[in-house]
């Protein structure tokens, strides 16, 4: 899959992405992470693979927490692209 070809990210990912109505320093540090999540979604990559490869989460250890992490970061990525409503 294409994810294996991307450079790995050494940033620490929070359990849940920020929920601020402003761009945070965390967002700025994770722009590449957000871009990779959107790219993976558009390419049809299954959420478990994206969470493992992009967010470096252990899906097997805690699938519910991992899904929340992936979902919140993907939602934040879309918010950044679309801007506030």
Protein backbone atom coordinates (compact mmCIF):
# COMPACT_ATOMS: atom_id res chain seq x y z
CA UNK A 1 0.00 0.00 0.00
CA UNK A 2 1.10 3.57 -0.53
CA UNK A 3 1.34 4.35 3.20
CA UNK A 4 4.49 2.27 3.51
CA UNK A 5 6.17 4.59 1.03
CA UNK A 6 5.56 7.74 3.08
CA UNK A 7 8.10 9.03 5.57
CA UNK A 8 7.21 8.22 9.15
CA UNK A 9 6.24 10.95 11.55
CA UNK A 10 7.99 11.18 14.90
CA UNK A 11 5.47 13.54 16.50
CA UNK A 12 3.42 12.37 19.43
CA UNK A 13 -0.28 12.13 18.66
CA UNK A 14 -2.85 12.97 21.33
CA UNK A 15 -5.66 10.54 22.12
CA UNK A 16 -8.06 13.17 20.73
CA UNK A 17 -7.36 16.04 18.35
CA UNK A 18 -7.96 19.62 19.53
CA UNK A 19 -11.52 20.91 19.44
CA UNK A 20 -10.76 24.61 19.33
CA UNK A 21 -12.31 27.08 16.91
CA UNK A 22 -8.79 28.38 16.25
CA UNK A 23 -5.72 26.69 14.77
CA UNK A 24 -3.54 25.51 17.65
CA UNK A 25 0.19 24.89 17.89
CA UNK A 26 -0.69 21.17 17.93
CA UNK A 27 -2.48 21.65 14.60
CA UNK A 28 0.51 23.47 13.14
CA UNK A 29 2.83 20.67 14.23
CA UNK A 30 0.51 18.05 12.75
CA UNK A 31 -0.36 19.55 9.35
CA UNK A 32 1.46 16.69 7.62
CA UNK A 33 -0.41 14.16 9.77
CA UNK A 34 -3.73 15.75 8.83
CA UNK A 35 -2.80 15.81 5.15
CA UNK A 36 -1.81 12.15 5.24
CA UNK A 37 -5.13 11.24 6.90
CA UNK A 38 -7.14 13.04 4.23
CA UNK A 39 -5.03 11.51 1.48
CA UNK A 40 -5.51 8.03 2.96
CA UNK A 41 -9.27 8.57 3.21
CA UNK A 42 -9.48 9.73 -0.40
CA UNK A 43 -7.46 6.69 -1.46
CA UNK A 44 -9.83 4.33 0.33
CA UNK A 45 -7.40 3.23 3.03
CA UNK A 46 -9.21 1.42 5.84
CA UNK A 47 -9.23 3.35 9.13
CA UNK A 48 -7.26 0.67 11.01
CA UNK A 49 -4.38 0.89 8.56
CA UNK A 50 -4.40 4.69 8.60
CA UNK A 51 -4.44 4.74 12.40
CA UNK A 52 -1.55 2.30 12.56
CA UNK A 53 0.62 3.80 9.85
CA UNK A 54 -0.10 7.51 10.24
CA UNK A 55 -1.06 7.97 13.88
CA UNK A 56 1.15 5.11 15.13
CA UNK A 57 -1.71 3.72 17.22
CA UNK A 58 -1.94 0.10 18.33
CA UNK A 59 -5.31 -0.97 16.96
CA UNK A 60 -5.08 -4.46 18.43
CA UNK A 61 -4.41 -3.21 21.94
CA UNK A 62 -7.33 -0.76 22.15
CA UNK A 63 -9.53 -0.59 19.04
CA UNK A 64 -12.16 1.75 20.52
CA UNK A 65 -9.63 4.32 21.72
CA UNK A 66 -7.75 4.05 18.43
CA UNK A 67 -10.93 4.61 16.44
CA UNK A 68 -11.75 7.72 18.51
CA UNK A 69 -8.21 9.02 17.94
CA UNK A 70 -8.38 8.42 14.19
CA UNK A 71 -11.90 9.84 13.90
CA UNK A 72 -11.09 13.02 15.85
CA UNK A 73 -7.88 13.67 13.89
CA UNK A 74 -9.61 13.09 10.56
CA UNK A 75 -12.46 15.41 11.57
CA UNK A 76 -9.91 18.03 12.61
CA UNK A 77 -8.12 17.63 9.28
CA UNK A 78 -11.38 18.26 7.42
CA UNK A 79 -12.11 21.26 9.63
CA UNK A 80 -8.72 22.74 8.78
CA UNK A 81 -9.31 22.26 5.08
CA UNK A 82 -12.85 23.66 5.10
CA UNK A 83 -12.39 26.30 7.77
CA UNK A 84 -14.92 27.31 10.38
CA UNK A 85 -18.60 27.10 9.43
